[in-house]
Protein backbone atom coordinates (compact mmCIF):
# COMPACT_ATOMS: atom_id res chain seq x y z
CA MET A 1 53.26 150.07 -54.93
CA ALA A 2 50.76 150.56 -51.95
CA ASP A 3 53.17 148.96 -49.06
CA GLU A 4 50.42 146.31 -48.86
CA ILE A 5 51.49 144.89 -51.60
CA ARG A 6 54.07 143.00 -50.06
CA THR A 7 53.81 139.33 -48.99
CA THR A 8 53.07 138.24 -44.86
CA THR A 9 55.89 138.41 -42.35
CA SER A 10 56.79 134.71 -43.73
CA ASN A 11 58.63 133.60 -40.48
CA ASP A 12 55.04 132.61 -39.05
CA GLN A 13 56.01 129.94 -42.10
CA THR A 14 58.25 128.64 -40.24
CA GLU A 15 56.94 129.36 -36.33
CA SER A 16 56.20 125.56 -33.72
CA LYS A 17 55.01 125.68 -30.93
CA GLY A 18 55.69 122.02 -30.29
CA THR A 19 55.51 119.51 -32.91
CA VAL A 20 51.62 119.54 -35.48
CA THR A 21 50.34 116.48 -33.74
CA GLU A 22 50.89 117.87 -30.38
CA ARG A 23 49.36 121.48 -31.12
CA LEU A 24 46.38 118.99 -32.79
CA SER A 25 46.10 116.96 -30.03
CA ARG A 26 45.81 120.44 -27.30
CA ARG A 27 42.82 122.14 -29.90
CA ARG A 28 39.94 120.78 -30.28
CA PHE A 29 39.17 120.43 -34.62
CA ALA A 30 35.54 120.57 -35.81
CA ILE A 31 34.58 120.03 -38.93
CA GLY A 32 30.37 120.00 -38.55
CA VAL A 33 30.13 116.38 -39.72
CA ALA A 34 26.29 115.33 -40.48
CA THR A 35 25.65 111.51 -40.79
CA GLY A 36 23.18 108.65 -42.78
CA THR A 37 21.76 110.34 -45.85
CA ALA A 38 22.28 113.83 -44.93
CA ALA A 39 26.39 113.53 -45.40
CA LEU A 40 25.07 113.88 -48.97
CA THR A 41 23.94 117.45 -48.90
CA GLY A 42 27.09 118.85 -49.77
CA LEU A 43 27.58 117.38 -52.66
CA ALA A 44 26.91 118.83 -55.70
CA GLY A 45 24.87 117.61 -57.95
CA CYS A 46 23.60 115.18 -55.70
CA SER A 47 20.07 114.46 -53.89
CA SER A 48 20.95 110.77 -52.92
CA VAL A 49 23.71 108.62 -51.41
CA ILE A 50 25.96 107.81 -53.84
CA SER A 51 25.76 104.38 -54.92
CA ARG A 52 29.46 102.32 -53.45
CA ASP A 53 28.14 98.87 -55.65
CA ASP A 54 31.07 98.98 -58.26
CA GLY A 55 34.49 98.28 -56.50
CA ASP A 56 35.90 99.36 -59.11
CA THR A 57 34.83 103.15 -58.67
CA VAL A 58 36.56 105.47 -56.88
CA THR A 59 35.44 108.83 -55.59
CA MET A 60 37.38 112.11 -55.71
CA LEU A 61 36.26 115.44 -54.02
CA LEU A 62 37.06 117.45 -55.46
CA THR A 63 37.62 121.58 -53.54
CA PRO A 64 34.20 122.76 -53.17
CA ASP A 65 33.28 125.81 -55.73
CA THR A 66 31.32 126.36 -58.71
CA PRO A 67 31.25 122.19 -60.06
CA SER A 68 30.52 124.30 -63.49
CA ASP A 69 33.77 125.17 -63.66
CA VAL A 70 36.09 123.28 -61.52
CA ARG A 71 35.80 119.15 -63.49
CA PRO A 72 36.99 121.06 -66.88
CA GLN A 73 39.75 122.10 -65.26
CA TYR A 74 40.51 118.92 -63.24
CA GLU A 75 39.79 116.05 -66.96
CA PRO A 76 43.06 115.65 -67.76
CA VAL A 77 43.67 114.68 -64.04
CA HIS A 78 40.51 111.64 -64.57
CA ASN A 79 41.55 110.97 -67.56
CA MET A 80 44.92 110.37 -66.64
CA LEU A 81 45.05 108.48 -64.23
CA GLU A 82 42.56 106.51 -66.04
CA GLY A 83 43.92 106.00 -68.81
CA GLU A 84 47.13 104.62 -66.54
CA ILE A 85 45.23 102.56 -64.33
CA ASP A 86 43.69 99.55 -65.38
CA GLY A 87 40.49 98.63 -64.74
CA LEU A 88 39.89 102.02 -62.27
CA THR A 89 36.22 103.97 -63.28
CA LEU A 90 36.95 107.17 -62.11
CA GLU A 91 34.02 109.29 -60.52
CA MET A 92 34.28 113.72 -59.13
CA GLU A 93 32.18 115.18 -57.20
CA VAL A 94 31.84 118.65 -56.84
CA PRO A 95 31.01 118.70 -52.93
CA GLN A 96 28.99 122.42 -51.66
CA ASP A 97 31.06 123.33 -49.30
CA TYR A 98 34.36 122.42 -47.34
CA SER A 99 32.13 121.07 -44.64
CA ALA A 100 30.11 118.36 -46.72
CA VAL A 101 34.10 116.52 -47.30
CA ARG A 102 34.89 115.02 -44.22
CA THR A 103 31.85 114.27 -43.96
CA ALA A 104 31.86 112.48 -46.82
CA LEU A 105 34.90 110.51 -46.46
CA GLU A 106 33.86 109.64 -42.89
CA SER A 107 30.31 107.91 -44.29
CA GLU A 108 32.82 106.78 -46.71
CA GLN A 109 30.44 108.09 -50.18
CA GLY A 110 34.23 108.63 -51.31
CA GLU A 111 37.63 108.40 -51.18
CA ILE A 112 39.86 111.23 -52.03
CA GLY A 113 39.92 114.72 -51.22
CA MET A 114 42.49 117.81 -51.65
CA ASP A 115 41.69 120.39 -49.13
CA ASP A 116 44.18 121.28 -46.04
CA VAL A 117 41.75 122.04 -43.91
CA THR A 118 39.83 118.43 -43.71
CA LEU A 119 43.24 117.50 -43.96
CA ILE A 120 44.07 119.05 -41.21
CA SER A 121 40.77 118.70 -39.04
CA LYS A 122 41.87 115.16 -38.62
CA PRO A 123 45.43 113.49 -40.08
CA ASP A 124 44.77 109.93 -38.15
CA MET A 125 41.76 109.47 -41.04
CA MET A 126 43.64 110.41 -43.94
CA ASP A 127 46.83 109.03 -45.60
CA LEU A 128 49.08 112.02 -47.85
CA PHE A 129 50.14 111.46 -51.05
CA GLY A 130 51.77 114.70 -51.00
CA THR A 131 50.92 118.15 -52.45
CA ALA A 132 49.61 119.27 -55.78
CA VAL A 133 52.44 120.37 -57.69
CA THR A 134 50.94 123.48 -60.81
CA GLY A 135 54.23 124.99 -63.35
CA GLY A 136 57.03 123.61 -61.57
CA THR A 137 56.23 125.02 -58.02
CA ALA A 138 53.44 123.00 -54.51
CA PHE A 139 52.73 126.70 -53.94
CA TYR A 140 49.91 129.21 -54.09
CA PHE A 141 48.85 133.01 -53.11
CA SER A 142 45.97 134.64 -51.66
CA MET A 143 44.84 137.85 -52.25
CA MET A 144 43.11 140.86 -51.81
CA LEU A 145 40.88 142.93 -54.33
CA THR A 146 39.99 146.23 -55.15
CA LYS A 147 38.50 148.35 -57.94
CA PRO A 148 40.84 150.34 -60.04
CA ASP A 149 39.71 153.92 -58.74
CA SER A 150 38.58 152.39 -55.42
CA ASP A 151 41.17 154.42 -51.93
CA ILE A 152 41.37 151.12 -50.51
CA ASP A 153 45.31 150.57 -50.92
CA LYS A 154 46.01 148.80 -47.30
CA ARG A 155 44.43 146.69 -45.35
CA THR A 156 43.50 148.84 -42.52
CA ASP A 157 41.60 150.89 -45.09
CA LEU A 158 39.04 147.87 -44.68
CA LYS A 159 37.84 149.29 -41.88
CA GLY A 160 33.89 149.88 -42.58
CA LYS A 161 34.10 148.59 -45.92
CA ASN A 162 31.71 146.01 -46.84
CA VAL A 163 34.01 142.40 -48.00
CA ALA A 164 33.47 139.04 -49.93
CA PHE A 165 35.57 136.09 -48.88
CA ALA A 166 35.19 132.66 -50.68
CA ASP A 167 34.42 129.85 -48.38
CA ARG A 168 34.30 129.66 -44.88
CA LEU A 169 36.85 127.34 -44.64
CA SER A 170 38.94 128.75 -47.37
CA THR A 171 42.83 128.51 -46.52
CA SER A 172 42.70 130.81 -49.46
CA GLY A 173 40.06 133.29 -49.25
CA SER A 174 39.19 133.26 -45.54
CA ILE A 175 41.25 131.82 -43.02
CA PHE A 176 44.56 133.43 -45.19
CA ALA A 177 42.58 137.11 -45.57
CA VAL A 178 40.57 137.38 -41.99
CA TYR A 179 44.17 136.90 -39.87
CA ALA A 180 44.91 139.03 -42.47
CA LEU A 181 42.39 141.14 -40.60
CA LYS A 182 43.88 141.32 -37.88
CA GLU A 183 47.10 140.95 -37.91
CA ALA A 184 47.08 144.43 -39.04
CA GLY A 185 45.05 145.58 -36.71
CA LEU A 186 41.21 145.41 -37.48
CA ASP A 187 37.95 143.83 -35.66
CA VAL A 188 36.95 140.15 -37.22
CA GLY A 189 35.09 139.60 -34.54
CA ASP A 190 34.32 136.35 -34.78
CA ALA A 191 34.61 135.61 -38.60
CA PRO A 192 35.14 133.54 -39.93
CA ASP A 193 32.62 131.60 -37.50
CA GLY A 194 30.21 134.16 -36.77
CA ASP A 195 30.38 138.69 -37.92
CA PRO A 196 33.39 140.78 -37.78
CA VAL A 197 33.17 144.40 -36.60
CA ASP A 198 35.52 146.31 -38.39
CA PHE A 199 33.67 145.94 -41.34
CA ASP A 200 30.99 143.58 -42.43
CA GLY A 201 31.62 140.45 -44.60
CA ASN A 202 29.70 137.56 -46.66
CA TRP A 203 31.12 134.60 -47.31
CA SER A 204 30.28 132.08 -50.95
CA ASN A 205 32.98 130.42 -53.07
CA HIS A 206 36.18 132.37 -54.67
CA GLU A 207 33.82 132.81 -58.44
CA ASN A 208 31.24 134.36 -56.59
CA ALA A 209 33.36 136.65 -53.87
CA VAL A 210 35.51 138.46 -57.35
CA ASN A 211 31.94 139.06 -58.79
CA GLN A 212 30.28 140.90 -56.55
CA LEU A 213 33.39 143.10 -56.18
CA ILE A 214 32.78 143.47 -59.32
CA ASN A 215 29.15 144.31 -59.70
CA ASP A 216 30.15 146.71 -56.48
CA GLU A 217 27.61 145.10 -54.50
CA VAL A 218 31.53 144.91 -52.06
CA ASP A 219 34.27 147.12 -52.05
CA ALA A 220 36.52 144.37 -51.90
CA CYS A 221 36.90 140.75 -52.27
CA CYS A 222 39.74 137.67 -51.35
CA THR A 223 40.83 135.03 -53.02
CA TRP A 224 42.65 133.06 -53.99
CA THR A 225 46.05 133.28 -56.80
CA GLY A 226 44.31 130.47 -58.70
CA ASN A 227 40.26 132.86 -60.05
CA GLY A 228 41.91 136.53 -58.90
CA MET A 229 44.68 137.09 -61.10
CA ALA A 230 43.38 136.61 -63.62
CA TYR A 231 41.51 139.80 -63.03
CA LEU A 232 45.32 141.59 -62.86
CA ALA A 233 45.87 143.47 -65.50
CA GLU A 234 48.59 142.22 -67.59
CA ASP A 235 51.74 144.76 -66.69
CA GLN A 236 50.05 144.62 -63.19
CA GLU A 237 53.33 144.73 -60.78
CA LEU A 238 54.06 141.87 -58.85
CA PRO A 239 55.67 140.98 -55.47
CA GLU A 240 59.27 139.03 -56.77
CA GLU A 241 58.02 136.55 -54.85
CA VAL A 242 54.71 136.71 -56.28
CA GLU A 243 56.44 136.62 -59.79
CA GLU A 244 59.22 134.28 -58.61
CA GLY A 245 56.50 131.15 -57.23
CA ASP A 246 53.30 131.33 -58.19
CA SER A 247 51.88 129.19 -61.24
CA PHE A 248 48.98 131.70 -62.67
CA ILE A 249 51.52 134.88 -63.13
CA ASP A 250 50.76 134.34 -67.10
CA ASN A 251 46.69 134.48 -66.79
CA ARG A 252 47.12 138.22 -66.00
CA GLY A 253 44.49 140.10 -68.54
CA GLN A 254 42.35 136.88 -69.06
CA GLU A 255 40.10 138.32 -67.72
CA ASN A 256 37.58 142.18 -69.39
CA GLU A 257 37.21 143.24 -66.26
CA THR A 258 40.15 144.66 -64.48
CA LEU A 259 40.85 144.48 -60.75
CA ARG A 260 44.25 146.02 -58.73
CA PRO A 261 45.35 143.58 -55.77
CA PHE A 262 46.46 145.42 -52.20
CA TRP A 263 47.43 142.49 -50.39
CA TRP A 264 49.06 139.57 -50.95
CA SER A 265 49.99 136.26 -49.04
CA PHE A 266 53.46 134.82 -48.14
CA PRO A 267 53.16 131.22 -49.84
CA ILE A 268 51.08 128.84 -49.58
CA PRO A 269 51.49 124.63 -49.70
CA LYS A 270 49.24 124.07 -53.05
CA GLN A 271 46.25 121.66 -51.67
CA PRO A 272 47.97 118.01 -50.95
CA ILE A 273 46.07 115.11 -52.06
CA TYR A 274 44.79 112.68 -49.26
CA ALA A 275 43.04 109.12 -49.13
CA ARG A 276 40.73 108.08 -46.22
CA SER A 277 42.41 104.71 -44.59
CA SER A 278 40.23 102.83 -44.24
CA TRP A 279 39.45 102.57 -47.49
CA ASP A 280 41.34 99.11 -47.59
CA SER A 281 42.16 98.67 -51.83
CA PRO A 282 44.97 98.09 -54.25
CA MET A 283 43.78 101.06 -55.75
CA LYS A 284 45.00 103.26 -54.22
CA GLU A 285 48.66 102.86 -53.87
CA GLU A 286 48.16 102.51 -58.09
CA ILE A 287 46.54 106.04 -58.27
CA ARG A 288 48.75 107.54 -55.30
CA GLU A 289 52.38 105.90 -57.15
CA ALA A 290 49.85 107.61 -60.67
CA LEU A 291 49.85 111.55 -59.88
CA LEU A 292 53.77 111.16 -58.45
CA ALA A 293 54.87 109.70 -61.92
CA SER A 294 52.71 112.21 -63.17
CA ASP A 295 54.68 115.16 -65.95
CA GLU A 296 53.56 118.10 -67.36
CA GLU A 297 53.81 115.83 -70.54
CA LEU A 298 52.19 113.24 -69.36
CA ILE A 299 49.02 115.74 -68.08
CA ARG A 300 49.35 117.50 -71.97
CA GLU A 301 48.36 114.27 -72.96
CA TYR A 302 45.33 113.69 -71.89
CA MET A 303 44.29 117.18 -71.82
CA PRO A 304 40.85 117.35 -74.51
CA ASP A 305 41.52 119.14 -77.37
CA ASP A 306 39.68 122.18 -75.61
CA TYR A 307 41.33 122.86 -72.42
CA ASN A 308 42.34 126.51 -71.36
CA GLU A 309 45.60 125.77 -69.67
CA ASN A 310 45.97 127.55 -67.69
CA ASP A 311 43.33 126.18 -66.01
CA LEU A 312 45.73 123.30 -65.22
CA PRO A 313 45.55 122.42 -61.63
CA PHE A 314 47.73 119.47 -61.21
CA THR A 315 51.26 118.47 -63.25
CA THR A 316 51.50 116.36 -60.23
CA LEU A 317 52.16 115.77 -56.72
CA GLU A 318 55.81 116.41 -54.47
CA GLU A 319 55.79 114.38 -51.32
CA THR A 320 55.31 116.19 -48.14
CA GLY A 321 54.00 115.90 -43.99
CA MET A 322 51.66 117.62 -41.62
CA ASP A 323 54.48 120.25 -41.34
CA ASN A 324 54.24 121.21 -44.39
CA TYR A 325 50.38 123.34 -43.40
CA GLU A 326 51.97 124.65 -39.84
CA PRO A 327 50.58 126.74 -41.75
CA VAL A 328 47.15 126.88 -41.81
CA ILE A 329 47.04 125.39 -38.20
CA THR A 330 48.53 128.89 -37.42
CA ARG A 331 45.73 130.53 -38.34
CA LEU A 332 42.84 128.19 -36.84
CA ASN A 333 43.69 128.11 -33.98
CA ASP A 334 44.10 131.74 -33.70
CA LEU A 335 40.98 132.38 -34.85
CA ASN A 336 39.33 130.01 -32.46
CA ILE A 337 38.20 127.98 -35.51
CA ASP A 338 36.30 124.76 -34.71
CA LEU A 339 37.27 121.71 -38.06
CA GLY A 340 35.80 118.95 -36.17
C-alpha cells in the first residue's frame, strides 16, 4: 500500500489558536453574496424568484451537486419530515454551487441548509441543529483517486499533472484536497480561488471530477467517500481509520469502472444541518426535534420501494457545535479563502 494511503496528521483536528468565534473574528470571511433576484441563479432548476407566499412551505437547500443525483438520495428524509410533522410542506432545492446557499438564506428564499462552509462563513446567522449521521458515524473522508495503472502513488506525484476537483468550496473535494497538496510540498498558488502552480486543476462537482478521470481527461481527481468509494475494487484494502469510521465502505465495487485511491484525509465531520436565525416559525423546532429523534428504522419506513440504501445520506443527527468544524476553519484560513 502506498505510503500516502494513510490518514494525514490527525493532531490538527484538535489544533486550536483561540476559540472558533475568536478565529472567525480575526479573519474576514466572504462567500460572494449576490442580492435581489440575482440570488436565484444559484438554485438549480429555478429561473425566477422562489415564491414565499405559502407560510407552511419550508425550503431545504441540499448540498450543491447534480440535482438528479442529490434529490433522490434525500427522498426518505423529505418523506419522513412531512410524515412526522403535521402541516409541513417541504421543498428540497439543489443550489448550483456553494456560494448560492448563503445567498438564498440571506434573501429568505430558503430556511434550512446543510453545508459546513456556509455555516462557518456566518455562524451568527445560523442556528445549528447538529451533524448528519449515516451508518452510525458522523464522519466521512476526503480521498484522491487515479487509474489503476497510473504511476501516481503519492501526493507529490501530482506535480505537473492534471487534477480534477469538486466545487471550489467543497470541503472534501477541494478545500481538504488542496490543503493536503500544499502540506505535501506542492505549490498550490492561489487555489482553489485561483490557479495552482505545480499542477493544473479544474473545478466542477464530485460526479464530474470522477468522470473526467474515467474519461482520461485528468490524471487524478479529488472527491469524498460517499461518491468515490463505489469506484474502488471490492477487495480494495482501506486504512484502518477508514475501515472503522466510514459509512460508505460497502459501496466498493458498485460501479463498473475501477479506480485506485492514493490518499485519504483524517475523519471529517459530516454535513451540519442548520436553519437561518431569522426564520421565526414553530416549524423550526419541530424539524430539529424530528431530525434528532430519527433513526435508521424510522427512515426505512419512508424509503421508496426502488430506493438504493447505499445512497442514504442521513439517518439521524448528532448534537454538535462549531468547534467540531475547526479543521475546516483551519484550512480555509491557511488557503486564504474568502467566504464573504
